C-alpha cells in the first residue's frame, strides 16, 4: 500500500531542526550516482575509501571536512555535460568515461561497443568509435572542463569551502600532467583532488572487476595518473585489510551510509531553514542542467507553486514545504537517459516506462532524509491526476493533498511554457487555455484559479482564451519528456 500525501502523518522524530549537513548531502549524493550509468552508492563508497586514505596520510584537520563533502559531491557537475556527451557518444557517456583503462585493450572496445550508438548497426558503431578516438583530446577538454567548473561552482554555492571546491575542480588532473582541465602536475594538484581521484578509481574498478584488480591498476598508474605516495598508502591499507569495509557493491547501502555519517560525527551541525533552501536550489540546478530543454524548469515550477500557495493563503511552513518539494520534484529525472530526454521523435514503450518511473525515483531519493518524508511523497506525486490517469501509481483525488495538487498544476504550467525537443514553448494565453480543458477532472480547479490570478489577473481573463484555444490536447502539448 503506497502512503499518499493525503494520508501522511508526521512522526514526532521528523523534526526539521535535527537535520545535519552530512545527512542531507549523503542522501542527495545518491541522486548523483543515477546520472548516466554510474554505479549506485558510488559516492558513499568513495567517501569511505578517500577518508581512510586521508587518515593514513594524516590530512590536516582544517581540510578533513572539505574532503568529506568533496568526495560526496565530486560528481555534482556531471549532469551539466550529459546532453553533450549523449550527442558525442550516442548513448550512455558516463559509463564509458568511468570504465576506460590506462592502456586501451579488449575491454575498452567491449565497453565502447556496448554504449556507443546502442541501437545502430555495426558500420555506424565502428565509424562513431573511430571519430571518438580521433577527437578524444578535444572532447575531453571540453567535457571535463565543463563538468569540473560547474561542479566547483555548485560546491561553492553550497558553502562547502575553498578546499572542497578546489578538490572537485581538479579531480581529473593527473600526476604526470596529462589530465584536465589545466594539465597541472605533481603537487600542483590539490592534495584533496589527488585523494578523491584514487578513491573514485578504487570504487569504479572494484565494482566492475574486483578489489585486487582495482589495486593492480592503481599501482600501474602510480606516477602517471596518481600520486605515488598516496598509492602506497592505499595499497598498505588494502594489504592490512583496513580499506574495503562497507565498500563493496554487495554491502548493505544502509550500512555504508551509516559508516559515512559516523565519519562526520565530530563535525556535523544542524542546518537552518535558509541553508536547507540553498541546498534544494543547488540540486534543482543540477537537475535542470541535465538537458538544455529543462533549463530552469525546477526553479520555474517552484516559483509558480510558491505563487499559487501564497494566493491560496497557505501557512508559511506549508508554503516553504511546497517550494522545496517543487524545487526537487524532478530529481529522479537524473536517472533518465538523455537519449530519452532530448529525443525529438515519439518515445517507444520502454522509453515511456523509463520516464514514468522518475517520480518514484524522486521519492526514493528524498525519503532518505528523515525530515523530508512528507516532501518526498508530495514531490513524487507531481504527475498524478485527480481522475486516476496520472503516474506512477494512478492515485485519485482522495489520495492527493492540496500541496501535491499545487505542484501538479505548477509543473504542467512550466512544461507547457518551456521549449521541448519536439516543439517550441507555448505562449501564456494558449498555455492557460490548454490547462483549463483538464480542470477539474485532472487538475485542481482552485489551484488553477490561483495560478490564473497570479499570472493573468483572474479567471475572467480565461473566457476569451478558452473560446479560442490552441486546439491541442494536454497529452500532445506536454509530450513524453516532462
Foldseek 3Di string as FASTA:
>chain_A
DDAFLLNDDDDPPLDQQPFWPLLQLLLLLQLLCLFQDHDGLLLLLLLQQLLLLCVLVVPDPVCNLLLNSLSSQLQLLVLLCQLVLCVLQVFRRVQLVLPQAPDDDPVNVVSSCCGGNNPDDPVVSVVSVVVCVVCVVVVQLVNLQRSLVLSLVLCVLLVSDDSNSLLSNLLQAFQCQPTDDRSDHHPVRPPSSLSSNLSSQQLSCCAPPNNVVSLVRLVVCDNTGHPNVSNVSSVVCVVVVNRCVQNYPVHDSVVSSVVSVVVCVPPIRGDDLVSLVSVLQSLLCSQQSNDVQSNCLLVQLLVLLLQLCVLVPHPPVLSSLLSSLSSQLQSLVSNQRSCLQQPQDADDPVSLVSLQCSLVSSLVSQVSNVSCNSSSSLSSLLQEWQQQPGDDVSDHVSRHDPSSLLSNVSSLLSLQQTQGNHGHHDDPLQSLLQVVVCPPRTGDPSSSQSSCCRPPNGCVVNPVSNVVHPPDHSDVSNHRND
